[in-house]
Structure formats: structure tokens, C-alpha cells
Amino acid sequence: MERLELDIRLLRVLRLLIAEKSVSRVAEKLGQTQPAISAALRQLRDIIGDKLLIPSKSGLIPTDRARQISSVLEKTLQNLQDISDTGGTAKRSINIVSQNGMALVYLPRVVDAIQKEAPGLTVRFYEEKSDAAIVAGLESQEIDLVLGNWISADDRLRSKLLIDAEIVCMVRRQHPLANRGEVDLETYLTQLHVRPTGNAPSQWNPIDGPLARLHKWRKIPVSLPEYSLVPHVLLRSDLVFTTARPYADLLALQGDFAILKAPEELGRMQLFMLWHENVEDAPASRWLRDIIGQVTTPDDVH
């Protein structure tokens, strides 16, 4: 059975329910529906193993367990002020390294969630070209989090799988392979390929990494500096672009493309979240990881 975990949204709902003693008032304060707040309360009860709030004529009455955790709850939420000043005069910058081509899929949702939870934050997404620089940045806390295709071998880093997606090939409709439902490895290796960010380290590449382990290499005559250029190049060439299906589906909205199953030897494309053990229990880091975990889950895409 999957283990349920508390997140910052549930904690805030619980705090308000204890204070307001009313599902309707909490729903009004949060701008949500009453069924949504009731569902959150049911989830809280399942996670904590207690009824937490009991209906009465005067409203919801906290149980002994709810009263016990109330003070801890306040301290936990108060620690979030380390991230965003309520007066708006002090702003903290969050630095996230994002090396993944699926950014178009997950990044808008991450930004939206962070802005809703802490609108005073400045969020910076950028790339790092060195594994050593990433580890050093996470250790010094100059980097708050990494989102990428790889898991570092450094045992000081912690990781969590966020997305597990099918790998596909994308070609223009006039491509000789366009009418195929899938591409086998032998055919795949005879094709000419386009790869964005061609200078990225091999350990971050979910396509060339598996091929290298098979002692295979694809022909890449074109490397692009930005993923956004891919559909424009594909429409005017017989190049093949290999990526995760959710990203291919989004790009396909920009033109007449065919999407084929990639060779099964490539496996699947995964997105991981990495952080340093030094911030494992830090409230700010836990808050950020909770936010990202809410909008990117392994079952989110297929």
C-alpha cells in the first residue's frame, strides 16, 4: 500500500480547520470548494490516523490529537517565513538547476505552484555543465535543487523520482519513417538525428547514455542550443528527434508531425529531483520539495 505523506497545503488546511472550526469558512478563505476541503480533511485523517475534528452543534471540535499537533504545526508553518517575508520587503532567491528537455511539461506548473504559495520569492532556473559544480553548489546551498535525468553517484545527495515517461521519436509527416508505428534499434541507428544542448555531459543524456552502454552511437549532424528550435528544424528536414512522449505531444501542436515508439533498448525517460543531505530536514528545502512533488509525480505522464 502506498504511504501517504503530509504536504504544506494539507498542513495549512489543518491549521485553518482547527482555528475556524468550519469547512465552509476554510473553503471561503482558501478560495476552494467545500468538497475539496472535506477531501483534504479525509486525507489528513488517513495520514495521521485520527479523526482530528469532530462535528458538533457549535462547529468542528479538535480532538486531543489535533490539539497536541497544533503547536508543532504552528512552528512548522512559521518556519516558512524564512523563505518569504510577509511584508514583501525581504525576498529570498531560489536557485534550481534544470537540465531536462521535459521542462516545457513540468516547469510552468512548478512556477505556478511556487508563485501561489510564496509570491514574494525570486525563482531562478539555470543549467550547470559540471557534475562537480552541481554537487558543490548543493553542498554550499547556492543551488537549492536539481531537476534532471540523472542520479548523482555522490552519496551525499538525496533523490526522488518525479516523472517516468515513454521515449518516442518525432519526425515530420513527410519523413520516410512517418507511417511506421515504431522504430527498431537497427533502423534507428541508420537515421540522422537532431539533439538539443549537444554539449551537455553524457551522464545527463537519457538517449546517448543507454546507447553507449550498448556500445552503440547515433549519427547527430545537428545540435541545437534550445529545445524550442526543434520543431522548426524538423519541419524542414528528415532528422529524427528523440524525447519523452509528453514533450513530443506538446511540440506536435506546432506542426504536422508523426510520433513513433522509440527502440525499446532506450528504456524510459525519467526526471529526478536531487538535493543535498545537509538540507534533508530544513523547512525551506522540505517546502520546496513538497511543492514540486505535488505537481510532478511518476504517474503524471506515461
C-alpha atoms as a PDB file:
ATOM      1  CA  MET A   1       0.000   0.000   0.000  1.00  0.00           C
ATOM      2  CA  GLU A   2       1.327   3.435  -0.936  1.00  0.00           C
ATOM      3  CA  ARG A   3       2.375   5.535   2.035  1.00  0.00           C
ATOM      4  CA  LEU A   4       0.600   8.883   2.205  1.00  0.00           C
ATOM      5  CA  GLU A   5       2.643  11.922   3.145  1.00  0.00           C
ATOM      6  CA  LEU A   6       1.797  15.322   4.538  1.00  0.00           C
ATOM      7  CA  ASP A   7       2.497  18.334   2.368  1.00  0.00           C
ATOM      8  CA  ILE A   8       2.381  22.059   3.006  1.00  0.00           C
ATOM      9  CA  ARG A   9      -1.110  22.503   1.563  1.00  0.00           C
ATOM     10  CA  LEU A  10      -2.596  19.895   3.869  1.00  0.00           C
ATOM     11  CA  LEU A  11      -0.840  21.434   6.864  1.00  0.00           C
ATOM     12  CA  ARG A  12      -2.324  24.829   6.082  1.00  0.00           C
ATOM     13  CA  VAL A  13      -5.791  23.342   5.679  1.00  0.00           C
ATOM     14  CA  LEU A  14      -5.449  21.619   9.051  1.00  0.00           C
ATOM     15  CA  ARG A  15      -4.322  24.798  10.777  1.00  0.00           C
ATOM     16  CA  LEU A  16      -7.301  26.716   9.376  1.00  0.00           C
ATOM     17  CA  LEU A  17      -9.759  23.954  10.257  1.00  0.00           C
ATOM     18  CA  ILE A  18      -8.555  23.947  13.864  1.00  0.00           C
ATOM     19  CA  ALA A  19      -8.844  27.733  14.017  1.00  0.00           C
ATOM     20  CA  GLU A  20     -12.116  28.230  12.118  1.00  0.00           C
ATOM     21  CA  LYS A  21     -13.898  25.020  13.177  1.00  0.00           C
ATOM     22  CA  SER A  22     -15.792  25.146   9.893  1.00  0.00           C
ATOM     23  CA  VAL A  23     -15.236  23.554   6.483  1.00  0.00           C
ATOM     24  CA  SER A  24     -17.244  26.276   4.726  1.00  0.00           C
ATOM     25  CA  ARG A  25     -15.248  29.132   6.262  1.00  0.00           C
ATOM     26  CA  VAL A  26     -11.938  27.447   5.407  1.00  0.00           C
ATOM     27  CA  ALA A  27     -13.133  26.885   1.839  1.00  0.00           C
ATOM     28  CA  GLU A  28     -14.044  30.570   1.588  1.00  0.00           C
ATOM     29  CA  LYS A  29     -10.677  31.715   2.969  1.00  0.00           C
ATOM     30  CA  LEU A  30      -8.729  29.491   0.578  1.00  0.00           C
ATOM     31  CA  GLY A  31     -10.959  30.147  -2.419  1.00  0.00           C
ATOM     32  CA  GLN A  32     -11.772  26.442  -2.766  1.00  0.00           C
ATOM     33  CA  THR A  33     -14.946  24.370  -2.744  1.00  0.00           C
ATOM     34  CA  GLN A  34     -16.274  22.721   0.401  1.00  0.00           C
ATOM     35  CA  PRO A  35     -15.899  19.225  -1.134  1.00  0.00           C
ATOM     36  CA  ALA A  36     -12.214  19.971  -1.757  1.00  0.00           C
ATOM     37  CA  ILE A  37     -11.672  20.936   1.892  1.00  0.00           C
ATOM     38  CA  SER A  38     -13.639  17.891   3.069  1.00  0.00           C
ATOM     39  CA  ALA A  39     -11.453  15.699   0.865  1.00  0.00           C
ATOM     40  CA  ALA A  40      -8.337  17.279   2.378  1.00  0.00           C
ATOM     41  CA  LEU A  41      -9.668  16.560   5.870  1.00  0.00           C
ATOM     42  CA  ARG A  42     -10.281  12.920   4.947  1.00  0.00           C
ATOM     43  CA  GLN A  43      -6.728  12.655   3.651  1.00  0.00           C
ATOM     44  CA  LEU A  44      -5.382  14.224   6.850  1.00  0.00           C
ATOM     45  CA  ARG A  45      -7.347  11.705   8.902  1.00  0.00           C
ATOM     46  CA  ASP A  46      -5.928   8.826   6.860  1.00  0.00           C
ATOM     47  CA  ILE A  47      -2.361  10.085   7.189  1.00  0.00           C
ATOM     48  CA  ILE A  48      -2.453  10.940  10.895  1.00  0.00           C
ATOM     49  CA  GLY A  49      -4.759   8.110  11.938  1.00  0.00           C
ATOM     50  CA  ASP A  50      -7.122  10.287  13.934  1.00  0.00           C
ATOM     51  CA  LYS A  51     -10.497  11.987  13.333  1.00  0.00           C
ATOM     52  CA  LEU A  52      -8.795  15.321  14.192  1.00  0.00           C
ATOM     53  CA  LEU A  53     -12.052  17.315  14.114  1.00  0.00           C
ATOM     54  CA  ILE A  54     -15.434  16.089  15.317  1.00  0.00           C
ATOM     55  CA  PRO A  55     -18.726  17.729  14.197  1.00  0.00           C
ATOM     56  CA  SER A  56     -20.825  19.386  16.916  1.00  0.00           C
ATOM     57  CA  LYS A  57     -23.615  21.970  17.144  1.00  0.00           C
ATOM     58  CA  SER A  58     -21.042  24.720  17.632  1.00  0.00           C
ATOM     59  CA  GLY A  59     -18.812  23.591  14.778  1.00  0.00           C
ATOM     60  CA  LEU A  60     -15.862  21.244  14.420  1.00  0.00           C
ATOM     61  CA  ILE A  61     -14.200  20.338  17.742  1.00  0.00           C
ATOM     62  CA  PRO A  62     -10.488  19.400  17.678  1.00  0.00           C
ATOM     63  CA  THR A  63      -9.603  16.023  19.162  1.00  0.00           C
ATOM     64  CA  ASP A  64      -6.857  15.621  21.753  1.00  0.00           C
ATOM     65  CA  ARG A  65      -4.523  14.546  18.953  1.00  0.00           C
ATOM     66  CA  ALA A  66      -5.340  17.672  16.948  1.00  0.00           C
ATOM     67  CA  ARG A  67      -4.591  19.848  19.976  1.00  0.00           C
ATOM     68  CA  GLN A  68      -1.272  18.055  20.519  1.00  0.00           C
ATOM     69  CA  ILE A  69      -0.056  18.686  16.994  1.00  0.00           C
ATOM     70  CA  SER A  70      -1.416  22.226  16.823  1.00  0.00           C
ATOM     71  CA  SER A  71       1.660  23.835  18.434  1.00  0.00           C
ATOM     72  CA  VAL A  72       4.031  21.801  16.269  1.00  0.00           C
ATOM     73  CA  LEU A  73       2.001  22.779  13.233  1.00  0.00           C
ATOM     74  CA  GLU A  74       2.321  26.475  14.019  1.00  0.00           C
ATOM     75  CA  LYS A  75       6.098  26.214  14.402  1.00  0.00           C
ATOM     76  CA  THR A  76       6.435  24.309  11.147  1.00  0.00           C
ATOM     77  CA  LEU A  77       4.446  26.841   9.164  1.00  0.00           C
ATOM     78  CA  GLN A  78       6.182  29.734  10.894  1.00  0.00           C
ATOM     79  CA  ASN A  79       9.496  28.443   9.551  1.00  0.00           C
ATOM     80  CA  LEU A  80       8.245  29.183   6.059  1.00  0.00           C
ATOM     81  CA  GLN A  81       8.811  32.849   6.833  1.00  0.00           C
ATOM     82  CA  ASP A  82      12.495  32.065   6.228  1.00  0.00           C
ATOM     83  CA  ILE A  83      11.536  31.792   2.579  1.00  0.00           C
ATOM     84  CA  SER A  84       9.200  34.724   2.013  1.00  0.00           C
ATOM     85  CA  ASP A  85       8.805  37.864   4.131  1.00  0.00           C
ATOM     86  CA  THR A  86       5.149  38.642   4.781  1.00  0.00           C
ATOM     87  CA  GLY A  87       5.751  42.353   4.353  1.00  0.00           C
ATOM     88  CA  GLY A  88       7.245  41.869   0.918  1.00  0.00           C
ATOM     89  CA  THR A  89      10.447  43.758   1.793  1.00  0.00           C
ATOM     90  CA  ALA A  90      12.712  40.744   2.087  1.00  0.00           C
ATOM     91  CA  LYS A  91      12.842  38.343  -0.835  1.00  0.00           C
ATOM     92  CA  ARG A  92      14.785  35.126  -0.995  1.00  0.00           C
ATOM     93  CA  SER A  93      16.042  33.732  -4.273  1.00  0.00           C
ATOM     94  CA  ILE A  94      15.551  30.058  -5.067  1.00  0.00           C
ATOM     95  CA  ASN A  95      18.072  28.579  -7.489  1.00  0.00           C
ATOM     96  CA  ILE A  96      17.043  25.443  -9.375  1.00  0.00           C
ATOM     97  CA  VAL A  97      19.268  23.657 -11.863  1.00  0.00           C
ATOM     98  CA  SER A  98      17.119  22.200 -14.632  1.00  0.00           C
ATOM     99  CA  GLN A  99      18.900  20.052 -17.223  1.00  0.00           C
ATOM    100  CA  ASN A 100      15.879  18.258 -18.609  1.00  0.00           C
ATOM    101  CA  GLY A 101      14.183  18.573 -22.001  1.00  0.00           C
ATOM    102  CA  MET A 102      10.807  17.959 -20.358  1.00  0.00           C
ATOM    103  CA  ALA A 103      10.948  21.419 -18.773  1.00  0.00           C
ATOM    104  CA  LEU A 104       8.109  22.555 -21.014  1.00  0.00           C
ATOM    105  CA  VAL A 105       5.969  19.868 -19.364  1.00  0.00           C
ATOM    106  CA  TYR A 106       6.759  20.446 -15.694  1.00  0.00           C
ATOM    107  CA  LEU A 107       8.333  23.897 -15.317  1.00  0.00           C
ATOM    108  CA  PRO A 108       5.175  26.010 -15.860  1.00  0.00           C
ATOM    109  CA  ARG A 109       3.387  24.009 -13.149  1.00  0.00           C
ATOM    110  CA  VAL A 110       6.328  24.362 -10.766  1.00  0.00           C
ATOM    111  CA  VAL A 111       6.433  28.128 -11.269  1.00  0.00           C
ATOM    112  CA  ASP A 112       2.678  28.448 -10.815  1.00  0.00           C
ATOM    113  CA  ALA A 113       2.717  26.429  -7.589  1.00  0.00           C
ATOM    114  CA  ILE A 114       5.625  28.400  -6.096  1.00  0.00           C
ATOM    115  CA  GLN A 115       4.060  31.733  -7.006  1.00  0.00           C
ATOM    116  CA  LYS A 116       0.788  30.760  -5.360  1.00  0.00           C
ATOM    117  CA  GLU A 117       2.461  29.563  -2.168  1.00  0.00           C
ATOM    118  CA  ALA A 118       5.107  32.304  -1.855  1.00  0.00           C
ATOM    119  CA  PRO A 119       4.593  35.150  -4.353  1.00  0.00           C
ATOM    120  CA  GLY A 120       7.466  37.137  -2.833  1.00  0.00           C
ATOM    121  CA  LEU A 121      10.086  34.633  -3.967  1.00  0.00           C
ATOM    122  CA  THR A 122      12.511  35.131  -6.820  1.00  0.00           C
ATOM    123  CA  VAL A 123      12.967  31.836  -8.670  1.00  0.00           C
ATOM    124  CA  ARG A 124      15.905  31.268 -10.992  1.00  0.00           C
ATOM    125  CA  PHE A 125      16.188  28.246 -13.307  1.00  0.00           C
ATOM    126  CA  TYR A 126      19.533  27.656 -14.966  1.00  0.00           C
ATOM    127  CA  GLU A 127      21.920  24.998 -16.263  1.00  0.00           C
ATOM    128  CA  GLU A 128      25.209  23.720 -14.907  1.00  0.00           C
ATOM    129  CA  LYS A 129      27.699  21.923 -17.156  1.00  0.00           C
ATOM    130  CA  SER A 130      29.667  20.111 -14.484  1.00  0.00           C
ATOM    131  CA  ASP A 131      28.620  17.342 -12.114  1.00  0.00           C
ATOM    132  CA  ALA A 132      31.233  18.549  -9.630  1.00  0.00           C
ATOM    133  CA  ALA A 133      29.848  22.107  -9.789  1.00  0.00           C
ATOM    134  CA  ILE A 134      26.347  20.825  -9.071  1.00  0.00           C
ATOM    135  CA  VAL A 135      27.445  18.801  -6.053  1.00  0.00           C
ATOM    136  CA  ALA A 136      29.466  21.753  -4.732  1.00  0.00           C
ATOM    137  CA  GLY A 137      26.565  24.138  -5.322  1.00  0.00           C
ATOM    138  CA  LEU A 138      24.113  21.892  -3.494  1.00  0.00           C
ATOM    139  CA  GLU A 139      26.517  21.462  -0.593  1.00  0.00           C
ATOM    140  CA  SER A 140      27.061  25.219  -0.252  1.00  0.00           C
ATOM    141  CA  GLN A 141      23.313  25.821  -0.762  1.00  0.00           C
ATOM    142  CA  GLU A 142      23.997  28.120  -3.700  1.00  0.00           C
ATOM    143  CA  ILE A 143      21.863  25.586  -5.554  1.00  0.00           C
ATOM    144  CA  ASP A 144      18.635  24.674  -3.796  1.00  0.00           C
ATOM    145  CA  LEU A 145      17.515  21.822  -6.017  1.00  0.00           C
ATOM    146  CA  VAL A 146      18.341  19.944  -9.218  1.00  0.00           C
ATOM    147  CA  LEU A 147      15.801  18.626 -11.720  1.00  0.00           C
ATOM    148  CA  GLY A 148      17.367  16.282 -14.259  1.00  0.00           C
ATOM    149  CA  ASN A 149      17.562  12.917 -15.997  1.00  0.00           C
ATOM    150  CA  TRP A 150      20.337  11.569 -13.818  1.00  0.00           C
ATOM    151  CA  ILE A 151      21.119  10.446 -10.276  1.00  0.00           C
ATOM    152  CA  SER A 152      24.498  11.578  -8.976  1.00  0.00           C
ATOM    153  CA  ALA A 153      26.896   8.938  -7.706  1.00  0.00           C
ATOM    154  CA  ASP A 154      27.731  11.223  -4.762  1.00  0.00           C
ATOM    155  CA  ASP A 155      26.298   9.534  -1.675  1.00  0.00           C
ATOM    156  CA  ARG A 156      25.725  12.922  -0.017  1.00  0.00           C
ATOM    157  CA  LEU A 157      22.891  13.669  -2.425  1.00  0.00           C
ATOM    158  CA  ARG A 158      19.314  12.536  -1.983  1.00  0.00           C
ATOM    159  CA  SER A 159      16.944  11.942  -4.891  1.00  0.00           C
ATOM    160  CA  LYS A 160      13.303  11.334  -5.722  1.00  0.00           C
ATOM    161  CA  LEU A 161      11.724  10.151  -8.967  1.00  0.00           C
ATOM    162  CA  LEU A 162       9.272  12.736 -10.269  1.00  0.00           C
ATOM    163  CA  ILE A 163       8.326  11.650 -13.790  1.00  0.00           C
ATOM    164  CA  ASP A 164       8.619   8.316 -15.603  1.00  0.00           C
ATOM    165  CA  ALA A 165       7.735   8.689 -19.297  1.00  0.00           C
ATOM    166  CA  GLU A 166       7.801   6.708 -22.531  1.00  0.00           C
ATOM    167  CA  ILE A 167      10.564   7.615 -25.007  1.00  0.00           C
ATOM    168  CA  VAL A 168       9.406   8.344 -28.562  1.00  0.00           C
ATOM    169  CA  CYS A 169      10.787   9.519 -31.893  1.00  0.00           C
ATOM    170  CA  MET A 170       9.366  12.602 -33.573  1.00  0.00           C
ATOM    171  CA  VAL A 171       9.610  13.250 -37.357  1.00  0.00           C
ATOM    172  CA  ARG A 172       7.867  15.423 -39.901  1.00  0.00           C
ATOM    173  CA  ARG A 173       4.943  13.849 -41.736  1.00  0.00           C
ATOM    174  CA  GLN A 174       6.988  13.611 -44.970  1.00  0.00           C
ATOM    175  CA  HIS A 175       9.742  11.571 -43.308  1.00  0.00           C
ATOM    176  CA  PRO A 176      10.271   8.034 -44.714  1.00  0.00           C
ATOM    177  CA  LEU A 177       9.563   6.590 -41.231  1.00  0.00           C
ATOM    178  CA  ALA A 178       6.426   8.644 -40.602  1.00  0.00           C
ATOM    179  CA  ASN A 179       3.990   5.832 -41.369  1.00  0.00           C
ATOM    180  CA  ARG A 180       5.642   3.375 -39.005  1.00  0.00           C
ATOM    181  CA  GLY A 181       4.247   2.837 -35.569  1.00  0.00           C
ATOM    182  CA  GLU A 182       7.657   2.227 -34.055  1.00  0.00           C
ATOM    183  CA  VAL A 183      11.377   2.163 -34.869  1.00  0.00           C
ATOM    184  CA  ASP A 184      13.698  -0.746 -34.129  1.00  0.00           C
ATOM    185  CA  LEU A 185      17.245  -0.102 -32.949  1.00  0.00           C
ATOM    186  CA  GLU A 186      18.921  -1.101 -36.213  1.00  0.00           C
ATOM    187  CA  THR A 187      16.800   1.334 -38.221  1.00  0.00           C
ATOM    188  CA  TYR A 188      17.156   3.999 -35.546  1.00  0.00           C
ATOM    189  CA  LEU A 189      20.942   3.950 -35.810  1.00  0.00           C
ATOM    190  CA  THR A 190      20.837   4.447 -39.601  1.00  0.00           C
ATOM    191  CA  GLN A 191      18.907   7.704 -39.247  1.00  0.00           C
ATOM    192  CA  LEU A 192      20.228  11.260 -38.863  1.00  0.00           C
ATOM    193  CA  HIS A 193      19.327  12.822 -35.527  1.00  0.00           C
ATOM    194  CA  VAL A 194      18.956  16.277 -34.019  1.00  0.00           C
ATOM    195  CA  ARG A 195      19.914  16.803 -30.366  1.00  0.00           C
ATOM    196  CA  PRO A 196      19.366  19.970 -28.332  1.00  0.00           C
ATOM    197  CA  THR A 197      22.120  21.117 -25.962  1.00  0.00           C
ATOM    198  CA  GLY A 198      24.606  18.809 -27.630  1.00  0.00           C
ATOM    199  CA  ASN A 199      27.429  19.917 -25.330  1.00  0.00           C
ATOM    200  CA  ALA A 200      25.756  18.649 -22.149  1.00  0.00           C
ATOM    201  CA  PRO A 201      27.644  15.931 -20.237  1.00  0.00           C
ATOM    202  CA  SER A 202      26.766  12.412 -21.365  1.00  0.00           C
ATOM    203  CA  GLN A 203      25.533  11.333 -17.926  1.00  0.00           C
ATOM    204  CA  TRP A 204      22.644  13.786 -18.297  1.00  0.00           C
ATOM    205  CA  ASN A 205      21.557  12.469 -21.674  1.00  0.00           C
ATOM    206  CA  PRO A 206      18.856   9.785 -21.374  1.00  0.00           C
ATOM    207  CA  ILE A 207      19.288   8.750 -25.022  1.00  0.00           C
ATOM    208  CA  ASP A 208      23.028   8.546 -25.636  1.00  0.00           C
ATOM    209  CA  GLY A 209      23.708   7.105 -22.186  1.00  0.00           C
ATOM    210  CA  PRO A 210      21.761   3.859 -22.791  1.00  0.00           C
ATOM    211  CA  LEU A 211      23.199   3.612 -26.310  1.00  0.00           C
ATOM    212  CA  ALA A 212      26.756   3.973 -25.020  1.00  0.00           C
ATOM    213  CA  ARG A 213      26.179   1.136 -22.573  1.00  0.00           C
ATOM    214  CA  LEU A 214      25.263  -0.993 -25.580  1.00  0.00           C
ATOM    215  CA  HIS A 215      28.380   0.265 -27.399  1.00  0.00           C
ATOM    216  CA  LYS A 216      26.131   1.989 -29.929  1.00  0.00           C
ATOM    217  CA  TRP A 217      26.182   5.563 -31.170  1.00  0.00           C
ATOM    218  CA  ARG A 218      23.700   7.501 -33.259  1.00  0.00           C
ATOM    219  CA  LYS A 219      24.520   9.969 -36.034  1.00  0.00           C
ATOM    220  CA  ILE A 220      23.954  13.531 -34.827  1.00  0.00           C
ATOM    221  CA  PRO A 221      24.776  16.043 -37.596  1.00  0.00           C
ATOM    222  CA  VAL A 222      22.765  18.817 -35.914  1.00  0.00           C
ATOM    223  CA  SER A 223      22.901  20.089 -32.321  1.00  0.00           C
ATOM    224  CA  LEU A 224      20.688  22.969 -31.239  1.00  0.00           C
ATOM    225  CA  PRO A 225      21.174  25.452 -28.377  1.00  0.00           C
ATOM    226  CA  GLU A 226      17.466  25.470 -27.453  1.00  0.00           C
ATOM    227  CA  TYR A 227      14.711  22.887 -27.361  1.00  0.00           C
ATOM    228  CA  SER A 228      12.252  25.426 -28.774  1.00  0.00           C
ATOM    229  CA  LEU A 229      14.076  25.282 -32.130  1.00  0.00           C
ATOM    230  CA  VAL A 230      13.443  21.567 -32.605  1.00  0.00           C
ATOM    231  CA  PRO A 231      10.000  21.666 -34.293  1.00  0.00           C
ATOM    232  CA  HIS A 232      11.127  24.351 -36.747  1.00  0.00           C
ATOM    233  CA  VAL A 233      14.165  22.305 -37.791  1.00  0.00           C
ATOM    234  CA  LEU A 234      12.195  19.058 -38.051  1.00  0.00           C
ATOM    235  CA  LEU A 235       9.614  20.615 -40.368  1.00  0.00           C
ATOM    236  CA  ARG A 236      12.365  21.360 -42.919  1.00  0.00           C
ATOM    237  CA  SER A 237      14.460  18.202 -42.644  1.00  0.00           C
ATOM    238  CA  ASP A 238      14.397  14.425 -42.341  1.00  0.00           C
ATOM    239  CA  LEU A 239      16.067  14.491 -38.947  1.00  0.00           C
ATOM    240  CA  VAL A 240      14.777  12.422 -36.032  1.00  0.00           C
ATOM    241  CA  PHE A 241      14.169  13.916 -32.595  1.00  0.00           C
ATOM    242  CA  THR A 242      14.051  11.536 -29.615  1.00  0.00           C
ATOM    243  CA  THR A 243      12.381  12.688 -26.426  1.00  0.00           C
ATOM    244  CA  ALA A 244       9.711  11.922 -23.812  1.00  0.00           C
ATOM    245  CA  ARG A 245       6.177  11.471 -25.107  1.00  0.00           C
ATOM    246  CA  PRO A 246       4.650  14.364 -23.085  1.00  0.00           C
ATOM    247  CA  TYR A 247       7.179  16.776 -24.590  1.00  0.00           C
ATOM    248  CA  ALA A 248       6.687  15.374 -28.095  1.00  0.00           C
ATOM    249  CA  ASP A 249       2.925  15.769 -27.728  1.00  0.00           C
ATOM    250  CA  LEU A 250       3.384  19.436 -26.873  1.00  0.00           C
ATOM    251  CA  LEU A 251       5.770  20.058 -29.769  1.00  0.00           C
ATOM    252  CA  ALA A 252       3.402  18.280 -32.138  1.00  0.00           C
ATOM    253  CA  LEU A 253       0.927  21.112 -31.617  1.00  0.00           C
ATOM    254  CA  GLN A 254       3.313  23.345 -33.595  1.00  0.00           C
ATOM    255  CA  GLY A 255       3.227  21.356 -36.849  1.00  0.00           C
ATOM    256  CA  ASP A 256       2.323  18.208 -38.742  1.00  0.00           C
ATOM    257  CA  PHE A 257       4.490  15.567 -37.065  1.00  0.00           C
ATOM    258  CA  ALA A 258       4.449  11.811 -36.627  1.00  0.00           C
ATOM    259  CA  ILE A 259       5.322  10.314 -33.230  1.00  0.00           C
ATOM    260  CA  LEU A 260       6.764   6.785 -33.225  1.00  0.00           C
ATOM    261  CA  LYS A 261       7.706   4.398 -30.443  1.00  0.00           C
ATOM    262  CA  ALA A 262      11.454   4.522 -29.869  1.00  0.00           C
ATOM    263  CA  PRO A 263      13.606   1.364 -29.710  1.00  0.00           C
ATOM    264  CA  GLU A 264      12.805  -0.493 -26.503  1.00  0.00           C
ATOM    265  CA  GLU A 265      16.545  -0.632 -25.734  1.00  0.00           C
ATOM    266  CA  LEU A 266      16.383   3.060 -24.787  1.00  0.00           C
ATOM    267  CA  GLY A 267      14.123   2.294 -21.850  1.00  0.00           C
ATOM    268  CA  ARG A 268      12.135   5.193 -20.391  1.00  0.00           C
ATOM    269  CA  MET A 269      12.922   8.833 -19.690  1.00  0.00           C
ATOM    270  CA  GLN A 270      12.923   9.732 -16.015  1.00  0.00           C
ATOM    271  CA  LEU A 271      13.053  13.047 -14.206  1.00  0.00           C
ATOM    272  CA  PHE A 272      14.653  13.156 -10.759  1.00  0.00           C
ATOM    273  CA  MET A 273      14.784  15.771  -8.037  1.00  0.00           C
ATOM    274  CA  LEU A 274      18.131  15.965  -6.207  1.00  0.00           C
ATOM    275  CA  TRP A 275      19.145  17.787  -3.026  1.00  0.00           C
ATOM    276  CA  HIS A 276      21.988  17.646  -0.507  1.00  0.00           C
ATOM    277  CA  GLU A 277      21.754  15.693   2.731  1.00  0.00           C
ATOM    278  CA  ASN A 278      22.599  18.911   4.605  1.00  0.00           C
ATOM    279  CA  VAL A 279      19.105  20.263   3.883  1.00  0.00           C
ATOM    280  CA  GLU A 280      17.201  16.993   4.255  1.00  0.00           C
ATOM    281  CA  ASP A 281      15.240  18.315   7.250  1.00  0.00           C
ATOM    282  CA  ALA A 282      15.499  22.059   6.570  1.00  0.00           C
ATOM    283  CA  PRO A 283      11.971  23.556   6.485  1.00  0.00           C
ATOM    284  CA  ALA A 284      12.672  25.684   3.396  1.00  0.00           C
ATOM    285  CA  SER A 285      14.025  22.743   1.428  1.00  0.00           C
ATOM    286  CA  ARG A 286      11.230  20.424   2.518  1.00  0.00           C
ATOM    287  CA  TRP A 287       8.691  23.069   1.488  1.00  0.00           C
ATOM    288  CA  LEU A 288      10.255  23.421  -1.964  1.00  0.00           C
ATOM    289  CA  ARG A 289      10.441  19.640  -2.451  1.00  0.00           C
ATOM    290  CA  ASP A 290       6.811  19.268  -1.362  1.00  0.00           C
ATOM    291  CA  ILE A 291       5.685  21.941  -3.820  1.00  0.00           C
ATOM    292  CA  ILE A 292       7.491  20.321  -6.757  1.00  0.00           C
ATOM    293  CA  GLY A 293       6.383  16.848  -5.731  1.00  0.00           C
ATOM    294  CA  GLN A 294       2.752  17.949  -5.817  1.00  0.00           C
ATOM    295  CA  VAL A 295       2.859  18.988  -9.473  1.00  0.00           C
ATOM    296  CA  THR A 296       5.229  16.318 -10.851  1.00  0.00           C
ATOM    297  CA  THR A 297       4.545  12.692  -9.998  1.00  0.00           C
ATOM    298  CA  PRO A 298       5.709   9.380 -11.537  1.00  0.00           C
ATOM    299  CA  ASP A 299       2.154   8.565 -12.632  1.00  0.00           C
ATOM    300  CA  ASP A 300       1.601  12.016 -14.131  1.00  0.00           C
ATOM    301  CA  VAL A 301       2.787  11.073 -17.628  1.00  0.00           C
ATOM    302  CA  HIS A 302       3.138   7.788 -19.473  1.00  0.00           C
END
